[in-house]
Amino acid sequence: MSETDLDLTNMADQDKDKRTANVPLPEKIHLLSLRELQELITDHCNELMLYVGRFHPQNKIREELVKLKHQLEELHEKFKLLEDERSRTQGELEACRVLESQYVMQYQDLEQKIKKSYSNEELKSQLEIEIRHLYDDSNRLELEAKYDANIDQFVKNYMTVRTEYHIQRKKMSSWNAQGELKI
């Protein structure tokens, strides 16, 4: 045996008293050499750690595990709440999209109605209809005047209708002369 082996053996003997107080060792351990002991220790390190772990107080580790488990449960609960909030927000977003599409459709319908109602052709058509009505009204007044004795009322009504008729005819002729209205 070399000096280092003797030193290690002495250290092992000194530590033997300490270790035997804590952990029971096999009876014939003194028959094994230091090298064999080191090989056993390195080969069976995990088993030794588990063996020592059984005697080591694990209350702190258990408390820490309980705390971590509680934190994990809280995070899981928060995640569920967040998922519910996301689902609700997703529903609201979908409702907003539906409203937006309805708005776009109604806006397009309104725009079409406005274009149709106020297009050059439509306005010209309305003016022509109004001129025709005024012309028909003036003819009706002429026919009624033959049978009505109140000449003053006839003249007043006839002048009003014919004046409006000529104003509308003038608008139509100006419109036709200028071309389409510019918007």
N, C-alpha and C. Protein backbone atom coordinates (compact mmCIF):
# COMPACT_ATOMS: atom_id res chain seq x y z
N MET A 1 0.83 -1.19 0.00
CA MET A 1 0.00 0.00 0.00
C MET A 1 0.87 1.24 0.00
N SER A 2 0.41 2.21 -0.72
CA SER A 2 1.16 3.47 -0.77
C SER A 2 0.69 4.39 0.34
N GLU A 3 1.39 5.51 0.45
CA GLU A 3 1.03 6.47 1.51
C GLU A 3 -0.36 7.05 1.32
N THR A 4 -0.69 7.33 0.08
CA THR A 4 -2.02 7.90 -0.17
C THR A 4 -3.11 6.93 0.20
N ASP A 5 -2.86 5.65 -0.04
CA ASP A 5 -3.85 4.65 0.34
C ASP A 5 -3.99 4.60 1.85
N LEU A 6 -2.85 4.71 2.56
CA LEU A 6 -2.90 4.71 4.02
C LEU A 6 -3.62 5.94 4.55
N ASP A 7 -3.34 7.10 3.92
CA ASP A 7 -4.02 8.33 4.34
C ASP A 7 -5.53 8.21 4.12
N LEU A 8 -5.89 7.68 2.98
CA LEU A 8 -7.31 7.52 2.68
C LEU A 8 -7.94 6.52 3.64
N THR A 9 -7.21 5.47 3.99
CA THR A 9 -7.72 4.48 4.93
C THR A 9 -7.91 5.12 6.30
N ASN A 10 -6.91 5.92 6.74
CA ASN A 10 -7.03 6.60 8.03
C ASN A 10 -8.23 7.55 8.02
N MET A 11 -8.36 8.29 6.90
CA MET A 11 -9.51 9.21 6.80
C MET A 11 -10.80 8.41 6.80
N ALA A 12 -10.78 7.29 6.13
CA ALA A 12 -11.96 6.45 6.08
C ALA A 12 -12.28 5.93 7.47
N ASP A 13 -11.23 5.56 8.25
CA ASP A 13 -11.45 5.08 9.60
C ASP A 13 -11.99 6.18 10.50
N GLN A 14 -11.45 7.39 10.31
CA GLN A 14 -11.94 8.51 11.13
C GLN A 14 -13.40 8.83 10.77
N ASP A 15 -13.66 8.84 9.47
CA ASP A 15 -15.02 9.14 9.03
C ASP A 15 -15.96 7.97 9.32
N LYS A 16 -15.34 6.77 9.50
CA LYS A 16 -16.15 5.58 9.74
C LYS A 16 -16.97 5.74 11.01
N ASP A 17 -16.36 6.30 12.01
CA ASP A 17 -17.08 6.49 13.27
C ASP A 17 -18.26 7.44 13.08
N LYS A 18 -18.01 8.50 12.29
CA LYS A 18 -19.09 9.48 12.04
C LYS A 18 -20.19 8.85 11.20
N ARG A 19 -19.79 8.11 10.16
CA ARG A 19 -20.78 7.54 9.25
C ARG A 19 -21.57 6.42 9.91
N THR A 20 -20.92 5.66 10.72
CA THR A 20 -21.62 4.55 11.36
C THR A 20 -22.63 5.05 12.37
N ALA A 21 -22.39 6.22 12.86
CA ALA A 21 -23.35 6.78 13.80
C ALA A 21 -24.63 7.16 13.06
N ASN A 22 -24.49 7.59 11.79
CA ASN A 22 -25.65 8.03 11.02
C ASN A 22 -26.27 6.91 10.19
N VAL A 23 -25.39 6.13 9.56
CA VAL A 23 -25.87 5.12 8.63
C VAL A 23 -25.25 3.78 9.00
N PRO A 24 -26.06 2.75 9.15
CA PRO A 24 -25.48 1.44 9.46
C PRO A 24 -24.77 0.88 8.23
N LEU A 25 -23.53 0.43 8.43
CA LEU A 25 -22.73 -0.14 7.34
C LEU A 25 -22.71 -1.66 7.46
N PRO A 26 -22.43 -2.31 6.34
CA PRO A 26 -22.34 -3.78 6.41
C PRO A 26 -21.23 -4.19 7.38
N GLU A 27 -21.37 -5.38 7.94
CA GLU A 27 -20.44 -5.84 8.97
C GLU A 27 -19.03 -6.04 8.43
N LYS A 28 -18.85 -6.52 7.27
CA LYS A 28 -17.53 -6.88 6.77
C LYS A 28 -17.01 -5.86 5.77
N ILE A 29 -17.35 -4.62 5.95
CA ILE A 29 -16.90 -3.57 5.05
C ILE A 29 -15.40 -3.36 5.15
N HIS A 30 -14.82 -3.66 6.31
CA HIS A 30 -13.38 -3.46 6.50
C HIS A 30 -12.55 -4.42 5.64
N LEU A 31 -13.17 -5.47 5.11
CA LEU A 31 -12.46 -6.41 4.25
C LEU A 31 -12.25 -5.87 2.84
N LEU A 32 -13.02 -4.84 2.46
CA LEU A 32 -12.91 -4.27 1.11
C LEU A 32 -11.80 -3.23 1.08
N SER A 33 -11.11 -3.19 -0.05
CA SER A 33 -10.06 -2.18 -0.20
C SER A 33 -10.70 -0.84 -0.54
N LEU A 34 -9.88 0.19 -0.45
CA LEU A 34 -10.36 1.54 -0.74
C LEU A 34 -10.81 1.65 -2.20
N ARG A 35 -10.04 1.05 -3.08
CA ARG A 35 -10.39 1.09 -4.51
C ARG A 35 -11.75 0.42 -4.74
N GLU A 36 -11.98 -0.71 -4.10
CA GLU A 36 -13.25 -1.41 -4.25
C GLU A 36 -14.39 -0.58 -3.68
N LEU A 37 -14.11 0.08 -2.57
CA LEU A 37 -15.14 0.96 -2.00
C LEU A 37 -15.46 2.12 -2.95
N GLN A 38 -14.42 2.71 -3.54
CA GLN A 38 -14.65 3.82 -4.46
C GLN A 38 -15.42 3.36 -5.69
N GLU A 39 -15.08 2.17 -6.19
CA GLU A 39 -15.81 1.64 -7.34
C GLU A 39 -17.27 1.39 -6.99
N LEU A 40 -17.50 0.83 -5.82
CA LEU A 40 -18.88 0.61 -5.38
C LEU A 40 -19.64 1.93 -5.26
N ILE A 41 -18.95 2.94 -4.72
CA ILE A 41 -19.60 4.25 -4.54
C ILE A 41 -19.95 4.85 -5.90
N THR A 42 -18.99 4.83 -6.83
CA THR A 42 -19.27 5.43 -8.14
C THR A 42 -20.29 4.62 -8.92
N ASP A 43 -20.22 3.30 -8.83
CA ASP A 43 -21.17 2.46 -9.56
C ASP A 43 -22.58 2.56 -9.00
N HIS A 44 -22.68 2.71 -7.72
CA HIS A 44 -24.00 2.70 -7.07
C HIS A 44 -24.35 4.05 -6.45
N CYS A 45 -23.91 5.10 -7.09
CA CYS A 45 -24.13 6.45 -6.56
C CYS A 45 -25.62 6.77 -6.43
N ASN A 46 -26.40 6.44 -7.45
CA ASN A 46 -27.83 6.75 -7.41
C ASN A 46 -28.52 5.99 -6.29
N GLU A 47 -28.17 4.71 -6.14
CA GLU A 47 -28.78 3.94 -5.07
C GLU A 47 -28.40 4.51 -3.70
N LEU A 48 -27.15 4.94 -3.58
CA LEU A 48 -26.71 5.54 -2.32
C LEU A 48 -27.45 6.85 -2.04
N MET A 49 -27.65 7.63 -3.10
CA MET A 49 -28.36 8.91 -2.91
C MET A 49 -29.79 8.66 -2.46
N LEU A 50 -30.45 7.66 -3.07
CA LEU A 50 -31.80 7.32 -2.64
C LEU A 50 -31.81 6.79 -1.21
N TYR A 51 -30.80 5.99 -0.89
CA TYR A 51 -30.68 5.43 0.46
C TYR A 51 -30.50 6.55 1.48
N VAL A 52 -29.62 7.50 1.16
CA VAL A 52 -29.39 8.63 2.06
C VAL A 52 -30.63 9.51 2.12
N GLY A 53 -31.30 9.64 0.98
CA GLY A 53 -32.49 10.47 0.92
C GLY A 53 -33.59 10.00 1.84
N ARG A 54 -33.64 8.73 2.09
CA ARG A 54 -34.66 8.22 3.00
C ARG A 54 -34.45 8.71 4.42
N PHE A 55 -33.21 8.95 4.77
CA PHE A 55 -32.92 9.38 6.14
C PHE A 55 -32.79 10.89 6.27
N HIS A 56 -32.68 11.56 5.14
CA HIS A 56 -32.51 13.01 5.15
C HIS A 56 -33.89 13.66 5.33
N PRO A 57 -33.99 14.67 6.16
CA PRO A 57 -35.30 15.32 6.34
C PRO A 57 -35.74 16.01 5.05
N GLN A 58 -36.96 15.72 4.61
CA GLN A 58 -37.45 16.25 3.34
C GLN A 58 -38.64 17.20 3.54
N ASN A 59 -38.82 17.69 4.72
CA ASN A 59 -39.95 18.59 5.00
C ASN A 59 -39.87 19.87 4.17
N LYS A 60 -38.67 20.45 4.06
CA LYS A 60 -38.53 21.69 3.30
C LYS A 60 -38.86 21.46 1.83
N ILE A 61 -38.40 20.34 1.33
CA ILE A 61 -38.67 20.02 -0.07
C ILE A 61 -40.17 19.81 -0.29
N ARG A 62 -40.80 19.12 0.65
CA ARG A 62 -42.24 18.90 0.54
C ARG A 62 -43.00 20.21 0.60
N GLU A 63 -42.60 21.09 1.52
CA GLU A 63 -43.26 22.40 1.62
C GLU A 63 -43.08 23.19 0.32
N GLU A 64 -41.88 23.14 -0.22
CA GLU A 64 -41.63 23.85 -1.48
C GLU A 64 -42.46 23.25 -2.62
N LEU A 65 -42.56 21.92 -2.62
CA LEU A 65 -43.38 21.26 -3.64
C LEU A 65 -44.85 21.64 -3.50
N VAL A 66 -45.33 21.72 -2.26
CA VAL A 66 -46.72 22.12 -2.03
C VAL A 66 -46.95 23.54 -2.53
N LYS A 67 -45.99 24.43 -2.23
CA LYS A 67 -46.10 25.82 -2.70
C LYS A 67 -46.11 25.87 -4.22
N LEU A 68 -45.19 25.12 -4.84
CA LEU A 68 -45.13 25.11 -6.30
C LEU A 68 -46.40 24.53 -6.91
N LYS A 69 -46.94 23.50 -6.26
CA LYS A 69 -48.18 22.91 -6.74
C LYS A 69 -49.32 23.92 -6.64
N HIS A 70 -49.36 24.66 -5.54
CA HIS A 70 -50.38 25.69 -5.35
C HIS A 70 -50.24 26.79 -6.41
N GLN A 71 -49.00 27.20 -6.67
CA GLN A 71 -48.77 28.22 -7.70
C GLN A 71 -49.19 27.70 -9.07
N LEU A 72 -48.91 26.44 -9.33
CA LEU A 72 -49.31 25.85 -10.60
C LEU A 72 -50.83 25.82 -10.73
N GLU A 73 -51.52 25.47 -9.65
CA GLU A 73 -52.98 25.47 -9.68
C GLU A 73 -53.53 26.87 -9.91
N GLU A 74 -52.92 27.88 -9.26
CA GLU A 74 -53.34 29.26 -9.48
C GLU A 74 -53.13 29.68 -10.93
N LEU A 75 -51.98 29.32 -11.48
CA LEU A 75 -51.70 29.64 -12.88
C LEU A 75 -52.68 28.93 -13.81
N HIS A 76 -53.00 27.69 -13.46
CA HIS A 76 -53.97 26.94 -14.27
C HIS A 76 -55.34 27.62 -14.22
N GLU A 77 -55.74 28.07 -13.04
CA GLU A 77 -57.02 28.78 -12.89
C GLU A 77 -57.01 30.09 -13.67
N LYS A 78 -55.91 30.83 -13.57
CA LYS A 78 -55.79 32.08 -14.34
C LYS A 78 -55.84 31.80 -15.83
N PHE A 79 -55.22 30.71 -16.25
CA PHE A 79 -55.25 30.35 -17.66
C PHE A 79 -56.67 30.05 -18.11
N LYS A 80 -57.44 29.33 -17.26
CA LYS A 80 -58.84 29.05 -17.60
C LYS A 80 -59.63 30.35 -17.73
N LEU A 81 -59.43 31.28 -16.77
CA LEU A 81 -60.12 32.57 -16.85
C LEU A 81 -59.72 33.33 -18.10
N LEU A 82 -58.46 33.29 -18.41
CA LEU A 82 -57.96 33.97 -19.61
C LEU A 82 -58.55 33.34 -20.87
N GLU A 83 -58.66 32.04 -20.87
CA GLU A 83 -59.24 31.34 -22.02
C GLU A 83 -60.72 31.69 -22.16
N ASP A 84 -61.45 31.76 -21.03
CA ASP A 84 -62.85 32.18 -21.07
C ASP A 84 -62.98 33.60 -21.60
N GLU A 85 -62.11 34.48 -21.13
CA GLU A 85 -62.11 35.88 -21.59
C GLU A 85 -61.81 35.94 -23.09
N ARG A 86 -60.87 35.12 -23.53
CA ARG A 86 -60.53 35.09 -24.96
C ARG A 86 -61.73 34.62 -25.78
N SER A 87 -62.42 33.60 -25.30
CA SER A 87 -63.60 33.10 -26.01
C SER A 87 -64.69 34.16 -26.08
N ARG A 88 -64.91 34.86 -24.96
CA ARG A 88 -65.92 35.91 -24.93
C ARG A 88 -65.54 37.04 -25.89
N THR A 89 -64.28 37.42 -25.86
CA THR A 89 -63.81 38.49 -26.75
C THR A 89 -63.91 38.05 -28.20
N GLN A 90 -63.62 36.79 -28.45
CA GLN A 90 -63.72 36.26 -29.81
C GLN A 90 -65.18 36.34 -30.28
N GLY A 91 -66.13 36.03 -29.40
CA GLY A 91 -67.55 36.14 -29.74
C GLY A 91 -67.95 37.58 -30.03
N GLU A 92 -67.47 38.49 -29.20
CA GLU A 92 -67.77 39.91 -29.42
C GLU A 92 -67.17 40.39 -30.74
N LEU A 93 -65.97 39.94 -31.03
CA LEU A 93 -65.32 40.32 -32.29
C LEU A 93 -66.13 39.80 -33.48
N GLU A 94 -66.61 38.58 -33.37
CA GLU A 94 -67.43 38.01 -34.44
C GLU A 94 -68.72 38.80 -34.61
N ALA A 95 -69.34 39.20 -33.49
CA ALA A 95 -70.55 40.02 -33.56
C ALA A 95 -70.25 41.36 -34.22
N CYS A 96 -69.09 41.93 -33.91
CA CYS A 96 -68.69 43.20 -34.54
C CYS A 96 -68.49 43.02 -36.04
N ARG A 97 -67.93 41.91 -36.42
CA ARG A 97 -67.73 41.64 -37.86
C ARG A 97 -69.07 41.52 -38.57
N VAL A 98 -70.03 40.85 -37.92
CA VAL A 98 -71.36 40.73 -38.51
C VAL A 98 -71.99 42.11 -38.65
N LEU A 99 -71.89 42.92 -37.59
CA LEU A 99 -72.44 44.27 -37.65
C LEU A 99 -71.77 45.10 -38.74
N GLU A 100 -70.47 44.94 -38.86
CA GLU A 100 -69.74 45.70 -39.89
C GLU A 100 -70.21 45.29 -41.28
N SER A 101 -70.40 44.00 -41.50
CA SER A 101 -70.85 43.56 -42.82
C SER A 101 -72.27 44.05 -43.09
N GLN A 102 -73.14 44.05 -42.07
CA GLN A 102 -74.48 44.59 -42.24
C GLN A 102 -74.43 46.08 -42.55
N TYR A 103 -73.55 46.79 -41.85
CA TYR A 103 -73.39 48.22 -42.10
C TYR A 103 -72.95 48.48 -43.54
N VAL A 104 -71.97 47.70 -44.00
CA VAL A 104 -71.46 47.89 -45.37
C VAL A 104 -72.57 47.62 -46.38
N MET A 105 -73.35 46.57 -46.16
CA MET A 105 -74.45 46.25 -47.08
C MET A 105 -75.49 47.37 -47.09
N GLN A 106 -75.88 47.84 -45.90
CA GLN A 106 -76.88 48.91 -45.83
C GLN A 106 -76.35 50.20 -46.42
N TYR A 107 -75.07 50.48 -46.20
CA TYR A 107 -74.47 51.69 -46.77
C TYR A 107 -74.47 51.61 -48.30
N GLN A 108 -74.13 50.44 -48.83
CA GLN A 108 -74.13 50.28 -50.28
C GLN A 108 -75.55 50.40 -50.84
N ASP A 109 -76.53 49.82 -50.13
CA ASP A 109 -77.92 49.96 -50.57
C ASP A 109 -78.35 51.42 -50.58
N LEU A 110 -78.01 52.13 -49.51
CA LEU A 110 -78.38 53.54 -49.42
C LEU A 110 -77.70 54.34 -50.52
N GLU A 111 -76.44 54.04 -50.76
CA GLU A 111 -75.70 54.75 -51.82
C GLU A 111 -76.35 54.49 -53.18
N GLN A 112 -76.78 53.26 -53.42
CA GLN A 112 -77.46 52.94 -54.68
C GLN A 112 -78.79 53.69 -54.79
N LYS A 113 -79.53 53.74 -53.69
CA LYS A 113 -80.81 54.46 -53.71
C LYS A 113 -80.59 55.94 -53.97
N ILE A 114 -79.57 56.50 -53.32
CA ILE A 114 -79.28 57.93 -53.52
C ILE A 114 -78.86 58.18 -54.97
N LYS A 115 -77.99 57.33 -55.49
CA LYS A 115 -77.57 57.49 -56.89
C LYS A 115 -78.75 57.35 -57.83
N LYS A 116 -79.62 56.40 -57.52
CA LYS A 116 -80.79 56.19 -58.38
C LYS A 116 -81.76 57.36 -58.27
N SER A 117 -82.00 57.82 -57.05
CA SER A 117 -82.97 58.90 -56.85
C SER A 117 -82.46 60.24 -57.35
N TYR A 118 -81.18 60.46 -57.30
CA TYR A 118 -80.64 61.78 -57.64
C TYR A 118 -79.73 61.73 -58.86
N SER A 119 -79.85 60.71 -59.66
CA SER A 119 -79.07 60.66 -60.90
C SER A 119 -79.66 61.65 -61.90
N ASN A 120 -78.89 62.03 -62.91
CA ASN A 120 -79.37 62.97 -63.92
C ASN A 120 -80.64 62.46 -64.59
N GLU A 121 -80.65 61.19 -64.94
CA GLU A 121 -81.82 60.62 -65.62
C GLU A 121 -83.05 60.67 -64.73
N GLU A 122 -82.88 60.32 -63.46
CA GLU A 122 -84.02 60.31 -62.54
C GLU A 122 -84.54 61.72 -62.30
N LEU A 123 -83.63 62.66 -62.08
CA LEU A 123 -84.07 64.05 -61.85
C LEU A 123 -84.74 64.62 -63.10
N LYS A 124 -84.21 64.31 -64.26
CA LYS A 124 -84.80 64.77 -65.52
C LYS A 124 -86.19 64.16 -65.69
N SER A 125 -86.29 62.89 -65.37
CA SER A 125 -87.58 62.20 -65.47
C SER A 125 -88.60 62.82 -64.52
N GLN A 126 -88.18 63.12 -63.30
CA GLN A 126 -89.09 63.76 -62.33
C GLN A 126 -89.53 65.14 -62.82
N LEU A 127 -88.61 65.90 -63.40
CA LEU A 127 -88.95 67.22 -63.93
C LEU A 127 -89.92 67.11 -65.10
N GLU A 128 -89.71 66.13 -65.97
CA GLU A 128 -90.64 65.91 -67.09
C GLU A 128 -92.03 65.54 -66.58
N ILE A 129 -92.08 64.70 -65.57
CA ILE A 129 -93.37 64.31 -64.98
C ILE A 129 -94.05 65.53 -64.38
N GLU A 130 -93.30 66.35 -63.68
CA GLU A 130 -93.86 67.56 -63.07
C GLU A 130 -94.39 68.51 -64.16
N ILE A 131 -93.65 68.67 -65.26
CA ILE A 131 -94.10 69.52 -66.38
C ILE A 131 -95.39 68.95 -66.97
N ARG A 132 -95.47 67.65 -67.16
CA ARG A 132 -96.67 67.01 -67.70
C ARG A 132 -97.86 67.25 -66.78
N HIS A 133 -97.64 67.12 -65.45
CA HIS A 133 -98.73 67.35 -64.49
C HIS A 133 -99.20 68.80 -64.56
N LEU A 134 -98.25 69.71 -64.63
CA LEU A 134 -98.63 71.13 -64.73
C LEU A 134 -99.40 71.41 -66.02
N TYR A 135 -98.99 70.82 -67.11
CA TYR A 135 -99.68 70.99 -68.38
C TYR A 135 -101.09 70.41 -68.29
N ASP A 136 -101.20 69.21 -67.70
CA ASP A 136 -102.52 68.58 -67.53
C ASP A 136 -103.40 69.41 -66.62
N ASP A 137 -102.81 69.97 -65.54
CA ASP A 137 -103.58 70.82 -64.62
C ASP A 137 -104.10 72.06 -65.34
N SER A 138 -103.27 72.68 -66.17
CA SER A 138 -103.72 73.88 -66.89
C SER A 138 -104.84 73.53 -67.87
N ASN A 139 -104.76 72.39 -68.55
CA ASN A 139 -105.84 71.94 -69.45
C ASN A 139 -107.11 71.66 -68.68
N ARG A 140 -106.98 71.04 -67.53
CA ARG A 140 -108.16 70.75 -66.69
C ARG A 140 -108.83 72.04 -66.25
N LEU A 141 -107.98 73.03 -65.86
CA LEU A 141 -108.54 74.33 -65.45
C LEU A 141 -109.29 75.00 -66.61
N GLU A 142 -108.79 74.88 -67.84
CA GLU A 142 -109.46 75.45 -69.01
C GLU A 142 -110.82 74.81 -69.21
N LEU A 143 -110.86 73.47 -69.06
CA LEU A 143 -112.14 72.77 -69.24
C LEU A 143 -113.13 73.14 -68.14
N GLU A 144 -112.64 73.25 -66.91
CA GLU A 144 -113.53 73.60 -65.80
C GLU A 144 -114.01 75.04 -65.91
N ALA A 145 -113.23 75.91 -66.53
CA ALA A 145 -113.59 77.33 -66.64
C ALA A 145 -114.83 77.53 -67.50
N LYS A 146 -115.09 76.63 -68.43
CA LYS A 146 -116.28 76.74 -69.28
C LYS A 146 -117.55 76.57 -68.46
N TYR A 147 -117.46 75.82 -67.39
CA TYR A 147 -118.64 75.52 -66.57
C TYR A 147 -118.67 76.31 -65.27
N ASP A 148 -117.57 77.01 -64.93
CA ASP A 148 -117.47 77.75 -63.67
C ASP A 148 -117.71 79.23 -63.93
N ALA A 149 -118.49 79.86 -63.05
CA ALA A 149 -118.84 81.27 -63.22
C ALA A 149 -117.79 82.20 -62.61
N ASN A 150 -116.94 81.73 -61.74
CA ASN A 150 -115.97 82.58 -61.05
C ASN A 150 -114.73 82.72 -61.92
N ILE A 151 -114.71 83.77 -62.71
CA ILE A 151 -113.62 83.99 -63.65
C ILE A 151 -112.35 84.45 -62.96
N ASP A 152 -112.48 85.23 -61.88
CA ASP A 152 -111.30 85.73 -61.15
C ASP A 152 -110.49 84.57 -60.55
N GLN A 153 -111.19 83.63 -59.96
CA GLN A 153 -110.50 82.47 -59.37
C GLN A 153 -109.83 81.65 -60.47
N PHE A 154 -110.51 81.47 -61.59
CA PHE A 154 -109.93 80.73 -62.71
C PHE A 154 -108.64 81.38 -63.20
N VAL A 155 -108.67 82.71 -63.39
CA VAL A 155 -107.50 83.42 -63.90
C VAL A 155 -106.33 83.28 -62.92
N LYS A 156 -106.63 83.45 -61.64
CA LYS A 156 -105.58 83.34 -60.62
C LYS A 156 -104.95 81.95 -60.63
N ASN A 157 -105.77 80.90 -60.60
CA ASN A 157 -105.27 79.52 -60.60
C ASN A 157 -104.54 79.20 -61.91
N TYR A 158 -105.13 79.61 -63.01
CA TYR A 158 -104.54 79.32 -64.31
C TYR A 158 -103.17 79.99 -64.45
N MET A 159 -103.07 81.26 -64.01
CA MET A 159 -101.81 82.00 -64.09
C MET A 159 -100.73 81.32 -63.21
N THR A 160 -101.12 80.86 -62.03
CA THR A 160 -100.17 80.20 -61.13
C THR A 160 -99.65 78.91 -61.77
N VAL A 161 -100.56 78.09 -62.28
CA VAL A 161 -100.17 76.81 -62.88
C VAL A 161 -99.33 77.04 -64.14
N ARG A 162 -99.76 77.97 -64.99
CA ARG A 162 -99.03 78.21 -66.24
C ARG A 162 -97.66 78.83 -65.96
N THR A 163 -97.57 79.72 -64.95
CA THR A 163 -96.28 80.31 -64.60
C THR A 163 -95.32 79.20 -64.13
N GLU A 164 -95.82 78.33 -63.28
CA GLU A 164 -94.99 77.21 -62.79
C GLU A 164 -94.61 76.30 -63.96
N TYR A 165 -95.55 76.06 -64.86
CA TYR A 165 -95.29 75.23 -66.04
C TYR A 165 -94.16 75.82 -66.87
N HIS A 166 -94.22 77.12 -67.13
CA HIS A 166 -93.19 77.76 -67.96
C HIS A 166 -91.83 77.80 -67.24
N ILE A 167 -91.84 77.98 -65.92
CA ILE A 167 -90.58 77.96 -65.15
C ILE A 167 -89.94 76.58 -65.27
N GLN A 168 -90.72 75.54 -65.11
CA GLN A 168 -90.19 74.17 -65.19
C GLN A 168 -89.73 73.85 -66.61
N ARG A 169 -90.46 74.34 -67.63
CA ARG A 169 -90.05 74.13 -69.03
C ARG A 169 -88.72 74.82 -69.30
N LYS A 170 -88.56 76.03 -68.71
CA LYS A 170 -87.32 76.77 -68.89
C LYS A 170 -86.16 76.01 -68.24
N LYS A 171 -86.39 75.45 -67.05
CA LYS A 171 -85.36 74.64 -66.40
C LYS A 171 -84.96 73.46 -67.29
N MET A 172 -85.98 72.80 -67.87
CA MET A 172 -85.71 71.64 -68.70
C MET A 172 -84.92 72.04 -69.95
N SER A 173 -85.29 73.13 -70.58
CA SER A 173 -84.57 73.54 -71.79
C SER A 173 -83.15 73.97 -71.45
N SER A 174 -82.95 74.64 -70.29
CA SER A 174 -81.59 75.01 -69.87
C SER A 174 -80.77 73.75 -69.60
N TRP A 175 -81.38 72.81 -68.94
CA TRP A 175 -80.70 71.55 -68.62
C TRP A 175 -80.28 70.84 -69.90
N ASN A 176 -81.20 70.75 -70.86
CA ASN A 176 -80.89 70.09 -72.13
C ASN A 176 -79.80 70.83 -72.89
N ALA A 177 -79.79 72.15 -72.80
CA ALA A 177 -78.78 72.94 -73.51
C ALA A 177 -77.40 72.77 -72.86
N GLN A 178 -77.35 72.67 -71.52
CA GLN A 178 -76.06 72.57 -70.82
C GLN A 178 -75.50 71.15 -70.80
N GLY A 179 -76.31 70.19 -70.98
CA GLY A 179 -75.86 68.80 -70.88
C GLY A 179 -76.12 68.28 -69.46
N GLU A 180 -75.36 67.25 -69.07
CA GLU A 180 -75.59 66.65 -67.75
C GLU A 180 -75.15 67.58 -66.64
N LEU A 181 -75.85 67.45 -65.50
CA LEU A 181 -75.49 68.25 -64.32
C LEU A 181 -74.17 67.74 -63.77
N LYS A 182 -73.38 68.64 -63.29
CA LYS A 182 -72.09 68.27 -62.70
C LYS A 182 -72.25 68.20 -61.19
N ILE A 183 -71.76 67.09 -60.64
CA ILE A 183 -71.90 66.90 -59.20
C ILE A 183 -70.62 67.32 -58.53
